[in-house]
C-alpha cells in the first residue's frame, strides 16, 4: 500500500518538503524505529482519543507513554482511547496500526508533545506498516501548524 491520497494531498497543499522512507514490515512504533534505523525519540506516533467534544489526535514520540490525566488537567478534556471500529471509520485509507501522526487532513484537532519540537528531524507512519514520512524538524513544525503543544506524555 502506498501513502494515502488524503495525506499526500495535504503534504502537497502545505508545501511540506518530505521523503518517504521504506522499511521492513513492522507492527509497533519502536519496532519501526529499529527497522528504519531511527531513534524512537524521532518517531512521532498517533493516539486517537475521544470524549464528549469529539475526536482528538495525541502525537508523541515512540519512546513515550501518553498520560491521559495530564491531558484532562492541562487541556480540560476527559478523554479515552478511540475504539478500533472508530479508527477504521476515521482512517479508511490507512492500515490499522499505521495511522499517520498528522490529524488535520482527517479533520482531527491535535495535541502534540513538546518533546517533538526539539527534534532536528521527525518520522511518522505513512499509512501502512512499511513506509515512513521523513521531514526536518522545521517542516514538521509547519505541518503541525494549528496544533496545541504541551507535556502530554512521559518517557518510558
Protein backbone atom coordinates (compact mmCIF):
# COMPACT_ATOMS: atom_id res chain seq x y z
CA UNK A 1 0.00 0.00 0.00
CA UNK A 2 1.35 3.42 -0.87
CA UNK A 3 0.79 6.65 1.03
CA UNK A 4 -2.92 7.53 1.21
CA UNK A 5 -4.01 10.35 -1.10
CA UNK A 6 -5.52 12.15 1.91
CA UNK A 7 -2.06 12.51 3.45
CA UNK A 8 -0.17 13.01 0.17
CA UNK A 9 -2.51 15.84 -0.92
CA UNK A 10 -2.27 17.51 2.49
CA UNK A 11 1.55 17.45 2.45
CA UNK A 12 1.50 18.92 -1.05
CA UNK A 13 -1.04 21.64 -0.10
CA UNK A 14 1.10 22.66 2.88
CA UNK A 15 4.24 22.62 0.67
CA UNK A 16 5.98 20.24 3.08
CA UNK A 17 9.42 19.08 1.98
CA UNK A 18 9.48 15.36 2.86
CA UNK A 19 10.70 12.00 1.72
CA UNK A 20 9.20 8.54 2.07
CA UNK A 21 11.43 6.01 3.83
CA UNK A 22 10.75 2.33 3.20
CA UNK A 23 11.38 -0.22 5.94
CA UNK A 24 10.59 -3.90 6.57
CA UNK A 25 7.02 -4.63 7.72
CA UNK A 26 6.58 -3.77 11.41
CA UNK A 27 3.71 -3.77 13.88
CA UNK A 28 4.76 -1.24 16.51
CA UNK A 29 6.39 2.18 16.66
CA UNK A 30 9.55 1.05 18.46
CA UNK A 31 9.89 -1.91 16.10
CA UNK A 32 9.54 0.58 13.23
CA UNK A 33 12.28 2.76 14.72
CA UNK A 34 14.63 -0.23 14.86
CA UNK A 35 13.76 -1.41 11.34
CA UNK A 36 14.27 2.09 9.90
CA UNK A 37 17.43 2.70 11.98
CA UNK A 38 15.91 5.82 13.55
CA UNK A 39 15.86 6.94 17.18
CA UNK A 40 12.48 6.30 18.79
CA UNK A 41 12.58 9.90 20.02
CA UNK A 42 12.22 10.98 16.39
CA UNK A 43 9.32 8.68 15.53
CA UNK A 44 6.04 10.54 16.08
CA UNK A 45 3.18 8.17 16.87
CA UNK A 46 -0.52 8.94 16.89
CA UNK A 47 -3.01 8.00 19.58
CA UNK A 48 -6.62 8.83 18.77
CA UNK A 49 -8.76 9.88 21.70
CA UNK A 50 -12.43 10.70 22.13
CA UNK A 51 -14.69 12.48 24.57
CA UNK A 52 -17.97 14.39 24.54
CA UNK A 53 -16.33 17.08 22.36
CA UNK A 54 -15.35 14.59 19.67
CA UNK A 55 -12.12 13.03 18.47
CA UNK A 56 -8.63 14.29 19.16
CA UNK A 57 -5.22 13.07 18.00
CA UNK A 58 -2.40 12.98 20.52
CA UNK A 59 1.06 12.92 18.94
CA UNK A 60 4.07 11.77 20.97
CA UNK A 61 7.45 10.12 20.49
CA UNK A 62 7.54 6.33 20.16
CA UNK A 63 9.64 6.21 23.35
CA UNK A 64 6.88 7.86 25.39
CA UNK A 65 3.62 6.80 27.01
CA UNK A 66 0.56 9.04 26.83
CA UNK A 67 -0.66 10.48 30.15
CA UNK A 68 -4.43 10.86 29.93
CA UNK A 69 -4.57 12.51 33.36
CA UNK A 70 -2.24 15.29 32.18
CA UNK A 71 -4.49 15.93 29.19
CA UNK A 72 -7.51 16.11 31.47
CA UNK A 73 -5.76 18.50 33.85
CA UNK A 74 -3.96 20.76 31.36
CA UNK A 75 -6.45 20.76 28.47
CA UNK A 76 -9.69 20.12 30.37
CA UNK A 77 -10.51 17.08 28.22
CA UNK A 78 -11.76 13.87 29.86
CA UNK A 79 -10.59 11.61 27.04
CA UNK A 80 -10.43 7.88 26.48
CA UNK A 81 -8.99 5.80 23.66
CA UNK A 82 -10.96 5.59 20.41
CA UNK A 83 -12.12 2.10 19.50
CA UNK A 84 -10.77 0.06 16.62
CA UNK A 85 -14.10 0.44 14.80
CA UNK A 86 -13.88 4.24 15.18
CA UNK A 87 -10.31 4.23 13.85
CA UNK A 88 -11.35 2.20 10.79
CA UNK A 89 -14.07 4.78 10.10
CA UNK A 90 -11.79 7.82 10.63
CA UNK A 91 -8.81 6.47 8.67
CA UNK A 92 -10.42 4.47 5.86
CA UNK A 93 -7.38 4.82 3.60
CA UNK A 94 -4.84 3.65 6.21
CA UNK A 95 -3.89 0.26 7.53
CA UNK A 96 -4.87 -0.39 11.13
CA UNK A 97 -1.98 0.41 13.44
CA UNK A 98 -0.27 2.67 10.90
CA UNK A 99 -2.16 5.93 11.36
CA UNK A 100 -0.13 9.00 10.32
CA UNK A 101 0.75 11.34 13.19
CA UNK A 102 -0.99 14.16 11.37
CA UNK A 103 -4.66 14.58 12.22
CA UNK A 104 -5.50 17.73 10.27
CA UNK A 105 -6.10 16.07 6.88
CA UNK A 106 -8.50 13.70 8.66
CA UNK A 107 -10.36 16.52 10.41
CA UNK A 108 -8.88 15.85 13.84
CA UNK A 109 -7.51 18.53 16.15
CA UNK A 110 -4.09 17.63 17.57
CA UNK A 111 -2.28 17.76 20.88
CA UNK A 112 1.46 17.37 20.29
CA UNK A 113 4.01 16.55 22.96
CA UNK A 114 6.52 19.36 23.49
CA UNK A 115 9.46 16.97 23.14
CA UNK A 116 8.83 16.68 19.38
CA UNK A 117 9.62 20.39 18.99
CA UNK A 118 13.22 19.67 19.94
CA UNK A 119 13.84 17.07 17.25
CA UNK A 120 16.01 18.04 14.26
CA UNK A 121 14.03 15.59 12.12
CA UNK A 122 10.76 13.68 12.55
CA UNK A 123 9.44 10.45 11.06
CA UNK A 124 5.85 9.20 11.16
CA UNK A 125 3.76 6.40 9.67
CA UNK A 126 2.76 6.97 6.06
CA UNK A 127 -0.48 4.99 6.39
CA UNK A 128 0.93 1.48 6.14
CA UNK A 129 3.39 -0.73 8.01
CA UNK A 130 6.25 -0.36 5.52
CA UNK A 131 6.77 3.37 4.93
CA UNK A 132 7.53 6.44 7.00
CA UNK A 133 7.25 10.12 6.15
CA UNK A 134 10.52 11.88 7.00
CA UNK A 135 10.89 15.64 7.29
CA UNK A 136 13.05 18.17 9.06
CA UNK A 137 12.02 19.47 12.46
CA UNK A 138 11.14 22.84 10.94
CA UNK A 139 8.97 21.19 8.27
CA UNK A 140 7.24 19.15 10.97
CA UNK A 141 6.52 22.36 12.91
CA UNK A 142 4.96 23.75 9.73
CA UNK A 143 2.93 20.57 9.36
CA UNK A 144 1.69 20.87 12.96
CA UNK A 145 0.51 24.47 12.49
CA UNK A 146 -2.72 24.91 14.43
CA UNK A 147 -2.00 22.06 16.85
CA UNK A 148 -1.80 22.58 20.59
CA UNK A 149 1.50 21.70 22.22
CA UNK A 150 2.11 20.61 25.77
CA UNK A 151 3.53 17.94 28.03
CA UNK A 152 1.17 15.04 27.34
CA UNK A 153 3.49 12.05 27.73
CA UNK A 154 6.40 10.71 29.69
CA UNK A 155 9.47 8.78 28.60
CA UNK A 156 9.33 5.05 29.32
